[in-house]
């Protein structure tokens, strides 16, 4: 059962399904799985969609497939210091993404969403020499996705690109 206020994260199985482009995931399931980040609640993610009821059904499918899992609800005193702040070691160290990894993720995402029509943008992404150059091309890609596939697909792509933002 999907809890609207619960925050979900990808399970190991869900992360593997995204990494291997598991054909068992429909485009809608894949898009939602990409958006699940362990920060936003199910209700917040449902509000991003035109059909909140459909998102709830997709959440239920992802849970049933074992692709996502709810985060445990934080207890008010858990990990808090005397000043009410969590200890500095509470957050895991951020993984540094290289420009090449970001480029591969962008090309993979574009190809999945736009197919061969993404070739020109993919070549521009691969020729980007700086993170700023890459961001400029990703903005163009977002517009192309929004035009061809709609707002939800563009939002999912941008969420994935945010997760693969180079240092």
Protein backbone atom coordinates (compact mmCIF):
# COMPACT_ATOMS: atom_id res chain seq x y z
CA UNK A 1 0.00 0.00 0.00
CA UNK A 2 1.42 3.37 -1.02
CA UNK A 3 1.57 5.92 1.77
CA UNK A 4 1.13 9.43 0.37
CA UNK A 5 3.37 11.15 2.92
CA UNK A 6 6.04 8.45 2.87
CA UNK A 7 9.36 9.10 1.18
CA UNK A 8 10.56 6.29 -1.07
CA UNK A 9 13.96 5.40 -2.45
CA UNK A 10 15.10 3.07 -5.19
CA UNK A 11 15.90 -0.41 -3.95
CA UNK A 12 19.00 -2.21 -5.19
CA UNK A 13 16.73 -3.99 -7.66
CA UNK A 14 15.30 -0.67 -8.88
CA UNK A 15 18.74 0.87 -9.34
CA UNK A 16 19.86 -2.21 -11.26
CA UNK A 17 16.75 -2.08 -13.45
CA UNK A 18 17.54 1.51 -14.40
CA UNK A 19 21.21 0.80 -15.00
CA UNK A 20 20.49 -2.20 -17.24
CA UNK A 21 17.44 -0.66 -18.92
CA UNK A 22 15.29 -3.56 -17.78
CA UNK A 23 12.65 -4.16 -20.49
CA UNK A 24 10.15 -5.13 -17.75
CA UNK A 25 9.84 -1.40 -16.93
CA UNK A 26 7.41 0.49 -19.09
CA UNK A 27 8.36 4.07 -20.04
CA UNK A 28 6.00 5.44 -17.38
CA UNK A 29 7.38 3.15 -14.67
CA UNK A 30 10.93 4.02 -15.67
CA UNK A 31 10.18 7.75 -15.62
CA UNK A 32 8.66 7.56 -12.16
CA UNK A 33 11.49 5.38 -10.88
CA UNK A 34 13.99 7.99 -12.07
CA UNK A 35 12.11 10.69 -10.14
CA UNK A 36 12.11 8.71 -6.88
CA UNK A 37 15.04 10.23 -5.03
CA UNK A 38 14.59 9.50 -1.34
CA UNK A 39 13.77 13.17 -0.72
CA UNK A 40 10.27 13.83 -2.07
CA UNK A 41 7.16 12.10 -0.78
CA UNK A 42 4.86 10.03 -2.97
CA UNK A 43 2.31 12.83 -2.77
CA UNK A 44 4.84 15.44 -3.96
CA UNK A 45 5.81 13.26 -6.92
CA UNK A 46 2.13 12.64 -7.76
CA UNK A 47 1.56 16.40 -7.93
CA UNK A 48 4.14 16.59 -10.75
CA UNK A 49 1.85 14.53 -12.94
CA UNK A 50 -1.39 15.43 -14.63
CA UNK A 51 -2.89 12.15 -13.40
CA UNK A 52 -2.25 11.69 -9.69
CA UNK A 53 -4.34 8.53 -9.65
CA UNK A 54 -2.12 6.97 -12.34
CA UNK A 55 1.02 7.86 -10.36
CA UNK A 56 -0.41 6.10 -7.30
CA UNK A 57 -0.99 2.98 -9.44
CA UNK A 58 2.56 3.20 -10.80
CA UNK A 59 3.93 3.55 -7.25
CA UNK A 60 2.00 0.42 -6.27
CA UNK A 61 3.48 -1.47 -9.23
CA UNK A 62 7.02 -0.36 -8.35
CA UNK A 63 6.49 -1.49 -4.75
CA UNK A 64 5.09 -4.83 -5.91
CA UNK A 65 8.09 -5.35 -8.22
CA UNK A 66 10.48 -4.53 -5.37
CA UNK A 67 11.94 -1.55 -7.26
CA UNK A 68 11.34 0.96 -4.44
CA UNK A 69 11.18 0.90 -0.68
CA UNK A 70 9.91 3.39 1.89
CA UNK A 71 12.48 5.21 3.96
CA UNK A 72 12.05 4.72 7.68
CA UNK A 73 10.33 7.68 9.31
CA UNK A 74 12.95 9.74 11.14
CA UNK A 75 12.48 9.93 14.87
CA UNK A 76 12.69 13.49 16.22
CA UNK A 77 15.65 12.75 18.50
CA UNK A 78 17.49 10.32 16.26
CA UNK A 79 20.90 11.63 15.38
CA UNK A 80 20.26 15.14 16.67
CA UNK A 81 22.96 16.97 18.59
CA UNK A 82 22.39 19.28 21.53
CA UNK A 83 21.76 22.17 19.11
CA UNK A 84 19.07 20.17 17.29
CA UNK A 85 21.26 19.74 14.20
CA UNK A 86 22.14 16.33 12.82
CA UNK A 87 25.79 15.39 13.25
CA UNK A 88 28.09 16.22 10.35
CA UNK A 89 28.69 12.52 9.70
CA UNK A 90 24.95 11.85 9.21
CA UNK A 91 25.03 12.63 5.48
CA UNK A 92 26.86 10.18 3.24
CA UNK A 93 29.67 11.69 1.22
CA UNK A 94 28.52 12.91 -2.18
CA UNK A 95 29.81 10.90 -5.11
CA UNK A 96 31.74 13.00 -7.61
CA UNK A 97 30.43 12.61 -11.15
CA UNK A 98 32.92 13.12 -13.96
CA UNK A 99 32.10 15.01 -17.13
CA UNK A 100 32.33 11.77 -19.12
CA UNK A 101 29.86 10.00 -16.80
CA UNK A 102 27.45 12.91 -17.08
CA UNK A 103 27.77 12.86 -20.87
CA UNK A 104 27.08 9.11 -21.01
CA UNK A 105 24.01 9.49 -18.79
CA UNK A 106 22.69 12.36 -20.93
CA UNK A 107 23.22 10.50 -24.21
CA UNK A 108 21.62 7.36 -22.79
CA UNK A 109 18.59 9.33 -21.53
CA UNK A 110 18.15 11.22 -24.78
CA UNK A 111 18.44 8.09 -26.88
CA UNK A 112 15.84 6.34 -24.72
CA UNK A 113 13.41 9.23 -25.00
CA UNK A 114 13.93 10.48 -28.56
CA UNK A 115 15.60 7.62 -30.41
CA UNK A 116 17.47 8.51 -33.61
CA UNK A 117 16.10 12.05 -33.62
CA UNK A 118 18.45 12.77 -30.71
CA UNK A 119 21.61 12.14 -32.73
CA UNK A 120 22.50 15.82 -33.23
CA UNK A 121 22.04 16.64 -29.55
CA UNK A 122 23.97 13.51 -28.56
CA UNK A 123 26.91 14.59 -30.72
CA UNK A 124 26.83 18.04 -29.08
CA UNK A 125 26.77 16.44 -25.64
CA UNK A 126 29.72 14.21 -26.49
CA UNK A 127 31.71 17.19 -27.78
CA UNK A 128 31.13 19.32 -24.64
CA UNK A 129 34.48 20.09 -22.99
CA UNK A 130 33.24 21.72 -19.79
CA UNK A 131 30.37 21.24 -17.37
CA UNK A 132 28.98 24.61 -18.48
CA UNK A 133 28.99 23.53 -22.14
CA UNK A 134 27.22 20.32 -21.16
CA UNK A 135 24.56 22.19 -19.18
CA UNK A 136 23.82 24.42 -22.18
CA UNK A 137 23.23 21.38 -24.41
CA UNK A 138 21.15 19.67 -21.70
CA UNK A 139 18.87 22.73 -21.63
CA UNK A 140 18.36 22.31 -25.39
CA UNK A 141 17.70 18.63 -24.86
CA UNK A 142 15.10 19.42 -22.20
CA UNK A 143 13.23 21.62 -24.66
CA UNK A 144 13.37 18.93 -27.37
CA UNK A 145 12.05 16.31 -24.93
CA UNK A 146 9.32 18.63 -23.68
CA UNK A 147 8.23 19.26 -27.28
CA UNK A 148 8.32 15.61 -28.34
CA UNK A 149 7.33 13.74 -25.17
CA UNK A 150 5.74 16.25 -22.79
CA UNK A 151 6.44 17.90 -19.46
CA UNK A 152 6.63 14.71 -17.41
CA UNK A 153 9.29 13.14 -19.62
CA UNK A 154 11.29 16.39 -19.60
CA UNK A 155 11.05 16.60 -15.80
CA UNK A 156 12.21 12.99 -15.44
CA UNK A 157 15.14 13.63 -17.79
CA UNK A 158 16.17 16.74 -15.87
CA UNK A 159 15.92 14.89 -12.54
CA UNK A 160 18.24 12.22 -13.93
CA UNK A 161 20.61 14.88 -15.21
CA UNK A 162 20.61 16.57 -11.80
CA UNK A 163 21.67 13.26 -10.28
CA UNK A 164 24.48 13.04 -12.86
CA UNK A 165 25.63 16.67 -12.63
CA UNK A 166 29.42 16.82 -13.06
CA UNK A 167 31.64 18.44 -10.47
